[in-house]
């Protein structure tokens, strides 16, 4: 792991905190928040798989 990997991990954690704050601003219940998070995870996983298959 070099210094660029460390910077990338810190930046990704920052984006995760920013996204979590935006999601928390909707004041959803735990059930709705987990449901929305799962839906987004499925969307990103699908896009990742499509691009990896096309490559």
Protein backbone atom coordinates (compact mmCIF):
# COMPACT_ATOMS: atom_id res chain seq x y z
CA UNK A 1 0.00 0.00 0.00
CA UNK A 2 1.47 3.34 -1.01
CA UNK A 3 0.56 6.94 -0.14
CA UNK A 4 -1.94 7.14 -3.00
CA UNK A 5 -3.93 4.20 -1.64
CA UNK A 6 -4.16 5.91 1.74
CA UNK A 7 -5.47 9.12 0.16
CA UNK A 8 -7.99 7.15 -1.88
CA UNK A 9 -9.28 5.31 1.21
CA UNK A 10 -9.66 8.58 3.12
CA UNK A 11 -11.49 10.19 0.20
CA UNK A 12 -13.83 7.21 -0.13
CA UNK A 13 -14.59 7.34 3.60
CA UNK A 14 -15.35 11.05 3.24
CA UNK A 15 -17.78 10.37 0.40
CA UNK A 16 -19.40 7.61 2.46
CA UNK A 17 -19.90 9.99 5.38
CA UNK A 18 -21.33 12.62 3.03
CA UNK A 19 -23.76 10.11 1.50
CA UNK A 20 -24.75 8.86 4.96
CA UNK A 21 -25.48 12.43 6.07
CA UNK A 22 -27.61 13.03 3.00
CA UNK A 23 -29.56 9.83 3.66
CA UNK A 24 -29.99 10.72 7.34
CA UNK A 25 -31.50 14.08 6.35
CA UNK A 26 -34.55 12.23 5.01
CA UNK A 27 -35.23 10.96 8.58
CA UNK A 28 -36.35 7.55 7.38
CA UNK A 29 -37.11 4.68 9.69
CA UNK A 30 -34.47 1.94 9.97
CA UNK A 31 -36.54 -0.34 7.78
CA UNK A 32 -36.91 2.21 5.00
CA UNK A 33 -33.26 3.27 5.25
CA UNK A 34 -32.00 -0.30 4.97
CA UNK A 35 -34.38 -0.95 2.09
CA UNK A 36 -33.14 2.12 0.20
CA UNK A 37 -29.51 1.20 0.91
CA UNK A 38 -30.09 -2.33 -0.36
CA UNK A 39 -31.72 -1.02 -3.54
CA UNK A 40 -28.74 1.26 -4.23
CA UNK A 41 -26.29 -1.57 -3.52
CA UNK A 42 -28.11 -3.77 -6.05
CA UNK A 43 -28.05 -0.97 -8.64
CA UNK A 44 -24.30 -0.40 -8.24
CA UNK A 45 -23.55 -4.14 -8.22
CA UNK A 46 -25.55 -4.58 -11.42
CA UNK A 47 -23.73 -1.74 -13.18
CA UNK A 48 -20.39 -3.13 -11.98
CA UNK A 49 -21.23 -6.60 -13.29
CA UNK A 50 -22.42 -5.27 -16.66
CA UNK A 51 -19.20 -3.30 -17.14
CA UNK A 52 -17.03 -6.22 -16.04
CA UNK A 53 -18.81 -8.55 -18.48
CA UNK A 54 -18.49 -6.05 -21.36
CA UNK A 55 -14.79 -5.57 -20.69
